[in-house]
Every structure is written in C-alpha cells, then in structure tokens.
Amino acid sequence: MTNFASRVLVAAVGLPLVLGMLWLGGWWLFTLVAIASVVGVHEFVTTARPMRPLGAAIYGGVLLALFGAERGGLVWLLAGFLATFVLGFVLHALSSTRAPTTAAIGSTILGSAWIGLGLGFVLLLREMQDKGRLIAFAVVLTVFAADTFAYFTGRYLGRHRLAPRLSPKKTWEGLMGGAAAGVFVAFIALYEKRHEYLSVWQAIVLGLVVVVAAVLGDLFESALKRDLEVKDTGRLLGGHGGVLDRVDALLFAAPAAFFLVVAYGFH
C-alpha cells in the first residue's frame, strides 16, 4: 500500500470513530482519549529515550490529568498533571540509572504536559455546558480540514517554504489553503447557532485561532523530532506515522479553542 493510500484509509476509518466518540461524550470519549494517550506516551518515551524520560511518571501524570478533566474539570486536570512532578522526582530518586536530573525530569514533565494537557482539553471542550458537543465537533473538523487542505495545497501548489529548518515540506501556500479551509469549516459548523451561541465574527476568529494553533502544534512536534533525529514518532497509523504525528495539531488547538470560547463568555 502506498503512503498516500494508507493516509486515506486511516482518515476514512479514524475520523468517523473520533466523531462518534465525540457525539457520545462521557466515558466513551474518555476511553478513546485514554487509549490514544497511552500510545502517545509510549511513542514519546521511545522517541525521547536519549533524554531518559521517566515513563511511569508520564503515564501516571497523563492518566490522572485526563481522569481529573473528566470528573472535575479544569482544576482537576491541572491537579492531575502536577502529580507528574512528584512522580518524576520520586521515581528518579529511586532509579538505578543516574541520568541528569534536569534532562530526565524536564523531558518527563514535557511529555506529560504536551500529551496530558493537550488531550485533556479535548475532554473539557466536550464537557462545556454551552454547546459542548457542537464546539468539540467544530474544533476537530476545523483541525482536520486545515491539515488536509494544507497537505494537498502544499503538495500541488507549494513553492515557498514555511519553516525550512523545522519542516521542509510545509509551505506558505499550504498554510493559506489550510487556513481558508479551516475558517470555512468553523464558520459552517457554527453558522446555524450564530444567534444563540458564537456569532459569525466569533466563529471566524475561532477558525483562525484554531488554524494558527494547529500549525504551531505541528511545527512544535517537528522541532522535537528534528532535535531527536527521527522522522516519525511511530508507524501505527501508516502514512500518518504515529498517534502523536496525527494529533500534534490538536494538542495545541484544543487548549487554544477552549480558552477563546471561555473568553467569549461561554463555559
């Protein structure tokens, strides 16, 4: 199977699954997010092995953060994540391998924050009292549309490199194509509720913020992979790489969308 065909197959299976769990919400979505986080942590620990991250502390911190988000909201999401500091220090103190404390605990906290908080905000979006299902759908579809159109626009029309040092294949043309698609999807997804939820201008701004955050999330992962000298974080999703390669944009976009919607006065 070609790289392109595997990308199409994964998207055709994965997107309906994710949207279905978003529709159901609750423990259904939590289960999907928890599974993705476990795989993501495994990919991170494997990829960042030179930094000696403490895998058990990342698993513990991420799962506690997700459980806190599901049961108690934002405060308990942060409380669960902060447990990573304690777990990391204790495990490092008991470890037989003496990796530098700064590198080991620093990479541990990075992994927990990146994965646990990023996916935790997906749960918080879905649990918003004001149209949680709608806003979660809008954000996920916006990220998917922006990523898809950026890929095709960049592949066929891309000429000017966006960030050649971090990700040589990304282009300004791809960014513009993805941004247009993302803003359009956010506008369409939220248009019917424009008189009782987000207005037209708020939906457009949300689309722009999600697109920018998604691009930054993608570039952030590219920077980590370049620093660690790997092409992909895994092979589980074929042409998409690993789970982290697939959700990197969402890990930045979900928190950005959450705080913007809260700033609009909805929560």
C-alpha atoms as a PDB file:
ATOM      1  CA  MET A   1       0.000   0.000   0.000  1.00  0.00           C
ATOM      2  CA  THR A   2       1.364   3.432  -0.915  1.00  0.00           C
ATOM      3  CA  ASN A   3       1.933   6.145   1.667  1.00  0.00           C
ATOM      4  CA  PHE A   4      -0.931   8.212   0.215  1.00  0.00           C
ATOM      5  CA  ALA A   5      -3.351   5.257   0.214  1.00  0.00           C
ATOM      6  CA  SER A   6      -2.566   4.440   3.831  1.00  0.00           C
ATOM      7  CA  ARG A   7      -3.209   8.085   4.810  1.00  0.00           C
ATOM      8  CA  VAL A   8      -6.607   7.988   3.100  1.00  0.00           C
ATOM      9  CA  LEU A   9      -7.518   4.662   4.735  1.00  0.00           C
ATOM     10  CA  VAL A  10      -6.560   5.812   8.221  1.00  0.00           C
ATOM     11  CA  ALA A  11      -8.530   9.053   7.784  1.00  0.00           C
ATOM     12  CA  ALA A  12     -11.574   7.178   6.442  1.00  0.00           C
ATOM     13  CA  VAL A  13     -11.628   4.896   9.492  1.00  0.00           C
ATOM     14  CA  GLY A  14     -10.297   7.250  12.142  1.00  0.00           C
ATOM     15  CA  LEU A  15     -12.379  10.375  11.557  1.00  0.00           C
ATOM     16  CA  PRO A  16     -15.807   8.648  11.891  1.00  0.00           C
ATOM     17  CA  LEU A  17     -14.545   6.871  15.031  1.00  0.00           C
ATOM     18  CA  VAL A  18     -13.404  10.118  16.624  1.00  0.00           C
ATOM     19  CA  LEU A  19     -16.603  11.948  15.664  1.00  0.00           C
ATOM     20  CA  GLY A  20     -18.686   9.070  17.002  1.00  0.00           C
ATOM     21  CA  MET A  21     -16.924   9.199  20.374  1.00  0.00           C
ATOM     22  CA  LEU A  22     -17.297  12.984  20.437  1.00  0.00           C
ATOM     23  CA  TRP A  23     -21.017  12.578  19.826  1.00  0.00           C
ATOM     24  CA  LEU A  24     -21.359  10.104  22.703  1.00  0.00           C
ATOM     25  CA  GLY A  25     -19.029  12.010  25.017  1.00  0.00           C
ATOM     26  CA  GLY A  26     -18.599  10.939  28.632  1.00  0.00           C
ATOM     27  CA  TRP A  27     -16.680   7.772  29.348  1.00  0.00           C
ATOM     28  CA  TRP A  28     -16.828   6.728  25.687  1.00  0.00           C
ATOM     29  CA  LEU A  29     -14.734   9.698  24.671  1.00  0.00           C
ATOM     30  CA  PHE A  30     -12.579   9.336  27.761  1.00  0.00           C
ATOM     31  CA  THR A  31     -11.762   5.747  26.789  1.00  0.00           C
ATOM     32  CA  LEU A  32     -10.723   6.738  23.277  1.00  0.00           C
ATOM     33  CA  VAL A  33      -8.620   9.648  24.559  1.00  0.00           C
ATOM     34  CA  ALA A  34      -7.033   7.465  27.256  1.00  0.00           C
ATOM     35  CA  ILE A  35      -6.045   4.823  24.695  1.00  0.00           C
ATOM     36  CA  ALA A  36      -4.600   7.496  22.411  1.00  0.00           C
ATOM     37  CA  SER A  37      -2.689   8.993  25.328  1.00  0.00           C
ATOM     38  CA  VAL A  38      -1.182   5.647  26.349  1.00  0.00           C
ATOM     39  CA  VAL A  39       0.022   5.038  22.800  1.00  0.00           C
ATOM     40  CA  GLY A  40       1.230   8.622  22.560  1.00  0.00           C
ATOM     41  CA  VAL A  41       3.205   8.340  25.791  1.00  0.00           C
ATOM     42  CA  HIS A  42       4.801   5.122  24.549  1.00  0.00           C
ATOM     43  CA  GLU A  43       5.822   6.893  21.338  1.00  0.00           C
ATOM     44  CA  PHE A  44       7.198   9.862  23.252  1.00  0.00           C
ATOM     45  CA  VAL A  45       9.200   7.747  25.708  1.00  0.00           C
ATOM     46  CA  THR A  46      10.618   5.679  22.852  1.00  0.00           C
ATOM     47  CA  THR A  47      11.464   8.712  20.721  1.00  0.00           C
ATOM     48  CA  ALA A  48      12.926  10.735  23.601  1.00  0.00           C
ATOM     49  CA  ARG A  49      14.936   7.842  25.024  1.00  0.00           C
ATOM     50  CA  PRO A  50      18.235   9.812  24.855  1.00  0.00           C
ATOM     51  CA  MET A  51      16.735  12.263  27.401  1.00  0.00           C
ATOM     52  CA  ARG A  52      15.840   9.383  29.776  1.00  0.00           C
ATOM     53  CA  PRO A  53      12.216  10.403  30.466  1.00  0.00           C
ATOM     54  CA  LEU A  54      10.552   8.547  33.324  1.00  0.00           C
ATOM     55  CA  GLY A  55       7.841   6.623  31.518  1.00  0.00           C
ATOM     56  CA  ALA A  56       5.873   5.570  34.597  1.00  0.00           C
ATOM     57  CA  ALA A  57       5.632   9.182  35.770  1.00  0.00           C
ATOM     58  CA  ILE A  58       4.365  10.322  32.350  1.00  0.00           C
ATOM     59  CA  TYR A  59       1.775   7.549  32.178  1.00  0.00           C
ATOM     60  CA  GLY A  60       0.629   8.375  35.704  1.00  0.00           C
ATOM     61  CA  GLY A  61       0.520  12.131  35.189  1.00  0.00           C
ATOM     62  CA  VAL A  62      -1.290  11.929  31.841  1.00  0.00           C
ATOM     63  CA  LEU A  63      -3.936   9.482  33.015  1.00  0.00           C
ATOM     64  CA  LEU A  64      -4.504  11.420  36.242  1.00  0.00           C
ATOM     65  CA  ALA A  65      -4.867  14.615  34.214  1.00  0.00           C
ATOM     66  CA  LEU A  66      -7.416  13.016  31.892  1.00  0.00           C
ATOM     67  CA  PHE A  67      -9.352  11.485  34.788  1.00  0.00           C
ATOM     68  CA  GLY A  68      -9.322  14.853  36.536  1.00  0.00           C
ATOM     69  CA  ALA A  69     -10.633  16.580  33.400  1.00  0.00           C
ATOM     70  CA  GLU A  70     -13.441  14.061  33.054  1.00  0.00           C
ATOM     71  CA  ARG A  71     -14.513  14.128  36.684  1.00  0.00           C
ATOM     72  CA  GLY A  72     -13.652  17.607  37.907  1.00  0.00           C
ATOM     73  CA  GLY A  73     -12.932  19.980  35.036  1.00  0.00           C
ATOM     74  CA  LEU A  74     -10.039  22.355  34.534  1.00  0.00           C
ATOM     75  CA  VAL A  75      -8.809  22.496  38.135  1.00  0.00           C
ATOM     76  CA  TRP A  76      -8.531  18.733  38.447  1.00  0.00           C
ATOM     77  CA  LEU A  77      -6.961  18.457  35.003  1.00  0.00           C
ATOM     78  CA  LEU A  78      -4.140  20.673  36.288  1.00  0.00           C
ATOM     79  CA  ALA A  79      -4.010  18.803  39.603  1.00  0.00           C
ATOM     80  CA  GLY A  80      -3.564  15.504  37.805  1.00  0.00           C
ATOM     81  CA  PHE A  81      -0.835  16.924  35.607  1.00  0.00           C
ATOM     82  CA  LEU A  82       1.026  18.398  38.588  1.00  0.00           C
ATOM     83  CA  ALA A  83       1.294  14.902  40.050  1.00  0.00           C
ATOM     84  CA  THR A  84       3.898  14.343  37.328  1.00  0.00           C
ATOM     85  CA  PHE A  85       6.363  16.494  39.268  1.00  0.00           C
ATOM     86  CA  VAL A  86       6.048  14.345  42.380  1.00  0.00           C
ATOM     87  CA  LEU A  87       6.056  11.051  40.490  1.00  0.00           C
ATOM     88  CA  GLY A  88       9.009  12.132  38.392  1.00  0.00           C
ATOM     89  CA  PHE A  89      11.119  13.210  41.360  1.00  0.00           C
ATOM     90  CA  VAL A  90      10.367  10.089  43.410  1.00  0.00           C
ATOM     91  CA  LEU A  91      10.999   7.701  40.522  1.00  0.00           C
ATOM     92  CA  HIS A  92      14.188   9.489  39.553  1.00  0.00           C
ATOM     93  CA  ALA A  93      15.440   9.322  43.133  1.00  0.00           C
ATOM     94  CA  LEU A  94      14.749   5.572  43.250  1.00  0.00           C
ATOM     95  CA  SER A  95      16.092   4.859  39.759  1.00  0.00           C
ATOM     96  CA  SER A  96      19.264   2.821  39.402  1.00  0.00           C
ATOM     97  CA  THR A  97      20.258   4.788  36.290  1.00  0.00           C
ATOM     98  CA  ARG A  98      21.689   8.203  37.047  1.00  0.00           C
ATOM     99  CA  ALA A  99      20.590  10.329  34.137  1.00  0.00           C
ATOM    100  CA  PRO A 100      20.932  14.108  34.692  1.00  0.00           C
ATOM    101  CA  THR A 101      18.006  15.274  36.813  1.00  0.00           C
ATOM    102  CA  THR A 102      17.260  18.279  34.610  1.00  0.00           C
ATOM    103  CA  ALA A 103      17.059  16.175  31.443  1.00  0.00           C
ATOM    104  CA  ALA A 104      15.134  13.257  32.952  1.00  0.00           C
ATOM    105  CA  ILE A 105      12.530  15.214  34.904  1.00  0.00           C
ATOM    106  CA  GLY A 106      12.356  18.006  32.322  1.00  0.00           C
ATOM    107  CA  SER A 107      11.545  15.596  29.488  1.00  0.00           C
ATOM    108  CA  THR A 108       9.094  13.792  31.772  1.00  0.00           C
ATOM    109  CA  ILE A 109       7.176  16.987  32.508  1.00  0.00           C
ATOM    110  CA  LEU A 110       7.281  17.974  28.834  1.00  0.00           C
ATOM    111  CA  GLY A 111       5.730  14.667  27.767  1.00  0.00           C
ATOM    112  CA  SER A 112       3.027  14.840  30.422  1.00  0.00           C
ATOM    113  CA  ALA A 113       2.120  18.460  29.661  1.00  0.00           C
ATOM    114  CA  TRP A 114       2.159  18.031  25.896  1.00  0.00           C
ATOM    115  CA  ILE A 115       0.008  14.890  25.815  1.00  0.00           C
ATOM    116  CA  GLY A 116      -1.994  15.080  29.040  1.00  0.00           C
ATOM    117  CA  LEU A 117      -2.998  18.725  28.871  1.00  0.00           C
ATOM    118  CA  GLY A 118      -3.491  18.695  25.115  1.00  0.00           C
ATOM    119  CA  LEU A 119      -5.862  15.730  25.140  1.00  0.00           C
ATOM    120  CA  GLY A 120      -7.386  16.830  28.444  1.00  0.00           C
ATOM    121  CA  PHE A 121      -8.665  19.986  26.816  1.00  0.00           C
ATOM    122  CA  VAL A 122     -10.457  17.872  24.213  1.00  0.00           C
ATOM    123  CA  LEU A 123     -12.458  16.403  27.107  1.00  0.00           C
ATOM    124  CA  LEU A 124     -13.043  19.868  28.571  1.00  0.00           C
ATOM    125  CA  LEU A 125     -14.330  21.172  25.237  1.00  0.00           C
ATOM    126  CA  ARG A 126     -16.814  18.304  25.004  1.00  0.00           C
ATOM    127  CA  GLU A 127     -17.972  18.828  28.592  1.00  0.00           C
ATOM    128  CA  MET A 128     -18.688  22.548  28.183  1.00  0.00           C
ATOM    129  CA  GLN A 129     -22.203  23.289  29.359  1.00  0.00           C
ATOM    130  CA  ASP A 130     -22.846  25.652  26.456  1.00  0.00           C
ATOM    131  CA  LYS A 131     -22.985  23.527  23.281  1.00  0.00           C
ATOM    132  CA  GLY A 132     -20.093  21.234  24.252  1.00  0.00           C
ATOM    133  CA  ARG A 133     -20.818  18.707  21.536  1.00  0.00           C
ATOM    134  CA  LEU A 134     -21.047  21.407  18.867  1.00  0.00           C
ATOM    135  CA  ILE A 135     -17.820  23.190  19.787  1.00  0.00           C
ATOM    136  CA  ALA A 136     -15.884  19.916  20.059  1.00  0.00           C
ATOM    137  CA  PHE A 137     -17.116  18.878  16.612  1.00  0.00           C
ATOM    138  CA  ALA A 138     -16.256  22.299  15.179  1.00  0.00           C
ATOM    139  CA  VAL A 139     -12.703  22.280  16.537  1.00  0.00           C
ATOM    140  CA  VAL A 140     -11.877  18.715  15.482  1.00  0.00           C
ATOM    141  CA  LEU A 141     -13.337  19.224  11.989  1.00  0.00           C
ATOM    142  CA  THR A 142     -11.518  22.547  11.626  1.00  0.00           C
ATOM    143  CA  VAL A 143      -8.195  20.922  12.515  1.00  0.00           C
ATOM    144  CA  PHE A 144      -8.876  18.033  10.130  1.00  0.00           C
ATOM    145  CA  ALA A 145      -9.898  20.324   7.266  1.00  0.00           C
ATOM    146  CA  ALA A 146      -6.940  22.652   7.765  1.00  0.00           C
ATOM    147  CA  ASP A 147      -4.479  19.759   7.890  1.00  0.00           C
ATOM    148  CA  THR A 148      -5.980  18.014   4.853  1.00  0.00           C
ATOM    149  CA  PHE A 149      -6.165  21.091   2.627  1.00  0.00           C
ATOM    150  CA  ALA A 150      -2.721  22.247   3.728  1.00  0.00           C
ATOM    151  CA  TYR A 151      -1.344  18.859   2.677  1.00  0.00           C
ATOM    152  CA  PHE A 152      -2.920  18.897  -0.785  1.00  0.00           C
ATOM    153  CA  THR A 153      -2.364  22.613  -1.445  1.00  0.00           C
ATOM    154  CA  GLY A 154       1.240  22.339  -0.380  1.00  0.00           C
ATOM    155  CA  ARG A 155       1.774  19.181  -2.401  1.00  0.00           C
ATOM    156  CA  TYR A 156       0.470  20.574  -5.670  1.00  0.00           C
ATOM    157  CA  LEU A 157       0.920  24.340  -5.346  1.00  0.00           C
ATOM    158  CA  GLY A 158       3.578  24.769  -2.689  1.00  0.00           C
ATOM    159  CA  ARG A 159       6.595  26.830  -3.723  1.00  0.00           C
ATOM    160  CA  HIS A 160       7.661  28.894  -0.711  1.00  0.00           C
ATOM    161  CA  ARG A 161       8.874  27.084   2.411  1.00  0.00           C
ATOM    162  CA  LEU A 162       7.143  27.986   5.659  1.00  0.00           C
ATOM    163  CA  ALA A 163       9.765  26.808   8.154  1.00  0.00           C
ATOM    164  CA  PRO A 164      12.518  25.016   6.230  1.00  0.00           C
ATOM    165  CA  ARG A 165      14.661  24.402   9.305  1.00  0.00           C
ATOM    166  CA  LEU A 166      11.858  22.640  11.181  1.00  0.00           C
ATOM    167  CA  SER A 167       9.683  21.103   8.475  1.00  0.00           C
ATOM    168  CA  PRO A 168      10.995  21.385   4.900  1.00  0.00           C
ATOM    169  CA  LYS A 169       7.771  20.150   3.296  1.00  0.00           C
ATOM    170  CA  LYS A 170       5.476  22.795   4.772  1.00  0.00           C
ATOM    171  CA  THR A 171       4.803  25.797   2.557  1.00  0.00           C
ATOM    172  CA  TRP A 172       3.102  29.162   2.799  1.00  0.00           C
ATOM    173  CA  GLU A 173       0.731  28.077   0.034  1.00  0.00           C
ATOM    174  CA  GLY A 174      -0.227  25.047   2.121  1.00  0.00           C
ATOM    175  CA  LEU A 175      -0.768  27.253   5.152  1.00  0.00           C
ATOM    176  CA  MET A 176      -3.052  29.581   3.207  1.00  0.00           C
ATOM    177  CA  GLY A 177      -5.043  26.689   1.754  1.00  0.00           C
ATOM    178  CA  GLY A 178      -5.391  25.063   5.151  1.00  0.00           C
ATOM    179  CA  ALA A 179      -6.348  28.349   6.811  1.00  0.00           C
ATOM    180  CA  ALA A 180      -9.068  29.041   4.258  1.00  0.00           C
ATOM    181  CA  ALA A 181     -10.500  25.548   4.690  1.00  0.00           C
ATOM    182  CA  GLY A 182     -10.299  25.687   8.475  1.00  0.00           C
ATOM    183  CA  VAL A 183     -12.035  29.047   8.773  1.00  0.00           C
ATOM    184  CA  PHE A 184     -14.725  27.943   6.323  1.00  0.00           C
ATOM    185  CA  VAL A 185     -15.421  24.743   8.272  1.00  0.00           C
ATOM    186  CA  ALA A 186     -15.633  26.623  11.588  1.00  0.00           C
ATOM    187  CA  PHE A 187     -17.999  29.137  10.004  1.00  0.00           C
ATOM    188  CA  ILE A 188     -20.253  26.433   8.535  1.00  0.00           C
ATOM    189  CA  ALA A 189     -20.218  24.258  11.659  1.00  0.00           C
ATOM    190  CA  LEU A 190     -21.310  27.125  13.914  1.00  0.00           C
ATOM    191  CA  TYR A 191     -23.488  29.114  11.492  1.00  0.00           C
ATOM    192  CA  GLU A 192     -26.841  27.609  12.472  1.00  0.00           C
ATOM    193  CA  LYS A 193     -26.339  28.654  16.119  1.00  0.00           C
ATOM    194  CA  ARG A 194     -24.993  32.125  15.325  1.00  0.00           C
ATOM    195  CA  HIS A 195     -27.871  33.873  17.111  1.00  0.00           C
ATOM    196  CA  GLU A 196     -27.643  31.887  20.346  1.00  0.00           C
ATOM    197  CA  TYR A 197     -24.039  30.725  20.529  1.00  0.00           C
ATOM    198  CA  LEU A 198     -20.997  32.085  18.679  1.00  0.00           C
ATOM    199  CA  SER A 199     -21.710  34.917  16.252  1.00  0.00           C
ATOM    200  CA  VAL A 200     -20.312  34.925  12.726  1.00  0.00           C
ATOM    201  CA  TRP A 201     -17.253  37.007  13.642  1.00  0.00           C
ATOM    202  CA  GLN A 202     -16.587  34.854  16.708  1.00  0.00           C
ATOM    203  CA  ALA A 203     -16.736  31.694  14.597  1.00  0.00           C
ATOM    204  CA  ILE A 204     -14.302  33.188  12.068  1.00  0.00           C
ATOM    205  CA  VAL A 205     -11.875  34.248  14.803  1.00  0.00           C
ATOM    206  CA  LEU A 206     -12.171  30.782  16.346  1.00  0.00           C
ATOM    207  CA  GLY A 207     -11.317  29.228  12.990  1.00  0.00           C
ATOM    208  CA  LEU A 208      -8.255  31.459  12.642  1.00  0.00           C
ATOM    209  CA  VAL A 209      -7.073  30.753  16.191  1.00  0.00           C
ATOM    210  CA  VAL A 210      -7.524  27.003  15.759  1.00  0.00           C
ATOM    211  CA  VAL A 211      -5.640  27.040  12.452  1.00  0.00           C
ATOM    212  CA  VAL A 212      -2.723  29.047  13.865  1.00  0.00           C
ATOM    213  CA  ALA A 213      -2.556  26.864  16.987  1.00  0.00           C
ATOM    214  CA  ALA A 214      -2.718  23.721  14.849  1.00  0.00           C
ATOM    215  CA  VAL A 215       0.188  24.901  12.701  1.00  0.00           C
ATOM    216  CA  LEU A 216       2.226  25.746  15.806  1.00  0.00           C
ATOM    217  CA  GLY A 217       1.422  22.321  17.252  1.00  0.00           C
ATOM    218  CA  ASP A 218       2.599  20.666  14.062  1.00  0.00           C
ATOM    219  CA  LEU A 219       5.805  22.711  13.996  1.00  0.00           C
ATOM    220  CA  PHE A 220       6.408  22.036  17.685  1.00  0.00           C
ATOM    221  CA  GLU A 221       6.386  18.301  17.075  1.00  0.00           C
ATOM    222  CA  SER A 222       8.585  18.768  14.009  1.00  0.00           C
ATOM    223  CA  ALA A 223      11.085  20.656  16.168  1.00  0.00           C
ATOM    224  CA  LEU A 224      11.133  17.839  18.718  1.00  0.00           C
ATOM    225  CA  LYS A 225      11.589  15.187  16.033  1.00  0.00           C
ATOM    226  CA  ARG A 226      14.381  17.136  14.386  1.00  0.00           C
ATOM    227  CA  ASP A 227      16.096  17.589  17.745  1.00  0.00           C
ATOM    228  CA  LEU A 228      15.807  13.848  18.446  1.00  0.00           C
ATOM    229  CA  GLU A 229      16.668  12.951  14.838  1.00  0.00           C
ATOM    230  CA  VAL A 230      13.575  10.886  13.992  1.00  0.00           C
ATOM    231  CA  LYS A 231      11.201  11.145  11.035  1.00  0.00           C
ATOM    232  CA  ASP A 232       8.011   9.924  12.741  1.00  0.00           C
ATOM    233  CA  THR A 233       7.092   9.100  16.329  1.00  0.00           C
ATOM    234  CA  GLY A 234       5.706   5.707  15.266  1.00  0.00           C
ATOM    235  CA  ARG A 235       4.315   3.511  12.487  1.00  0.00           C
ATOM    236  CA  LEU A 236       0.925   2.592  13.912  1.00  0.00           C
ATOM    237  CA  LEU A 237      -1.044   4.816  11.508  1.00  0.00           C
ATOM    238  CA  GLY A 238       0.825   4.007   8.312  1.00  0.00           C
ATOM    239  CA  GLY A 239       1.373   7.102   6.192  1.00  0.00           C
ATOM    240  CA  HIS A 240       0.344   9.317   9.104  1.00  0.00           C
ATOM    241  CA  GLY A 241       3.171   7.956  11.260  1.00  0.00           C
ATOM    242  CA  GLY A 242       2.350   7.516  14.936  1.00  0.00           C
ATOM    243  CA  VAL A 243      -0.513   8.758  17.086  1.00  0.00           C
ATOM    244  CA  LEU A 244       1.453  11.866  18.058  1.00  0.00           C
ATOM    245  CA  ASP A 245       2.068  12.614  14.394  1.00  0.00           C
ATOM    246  CA  ARG A 246      -1.697  12.564  13.876  1.00  0.00           C
ATOM    247  CA  VAL A 247      -2.832  14.556  16.935  1.00  0.00           C
ATOM    248  CA  ASP A 248       0.057  17.046  17.219  1.00  0.00           C
ATOM    249  CA  ALA A 249      -2.052  19.888  15.807  1.00  0.00           C
ATOM    250  CA  LEU A 250      -4.992  19.102  18.101  1.00  0.00           C
ATOM    251  CA  LEU A 251      -2.741  19.135  21.179  1.00  0.00           C
ATOM    252  CA  PHE A 252      -2.274  22.884  20.672  1.00  0.00           C
ATOM    253  CA  ALA A 253      -5.604  23.672  19.026  1.00  0.00           C
ATOM    254  CA  ALA A 254      -7.859  22.230  21.751  1.00  0.00           C
ATOM    255  CA  PRO A 255      -6.446  24.389  24.601  1.00  0.00           C
ATOM    256  CA  ALA A 256      -6.461  27.489  22.362  1.00  0.00           C
ATOM    257  CA  ALA A 257     -10.095  26.904  21.390  1.00  0.00           C
ATOM    258  CA  PHE A 258     -11.140  26.238  24.984  1.00  0.00           C
ATOM    259  CA  PHE A 259      -9.724  29.467  26.361  1.00  0.00           C
ATOM    260  CA  LEU A 260     -11.035  31.525  23.436  1.00  0.00           C
ATOM    261  CA  VAL A 261     -14.585  30.202  23.927  1.00  0.00           C
ATOM    262  CA  VAL A 262     -14.298  30.903  27.663  1.00  0.00           C
ATOM    263  CA  ALA A 263     -13.128  34.434  26.815  1.00  0.00           C
ATOM    264  CA  TYR A 264     -16.263  34.785  24.689  1.00  0.00           C
ATOM    265  CA  GLY A 265     -18.282  34.132  27.849  1.00  0.00           C
ATOM    266  CA  PHE A 266     -19.290  30.513  27.283  1.00  0.00           C
ATOM    267  CA  HIS A 267     -18.201  27.676  29.549  1.00  0.00           C
END
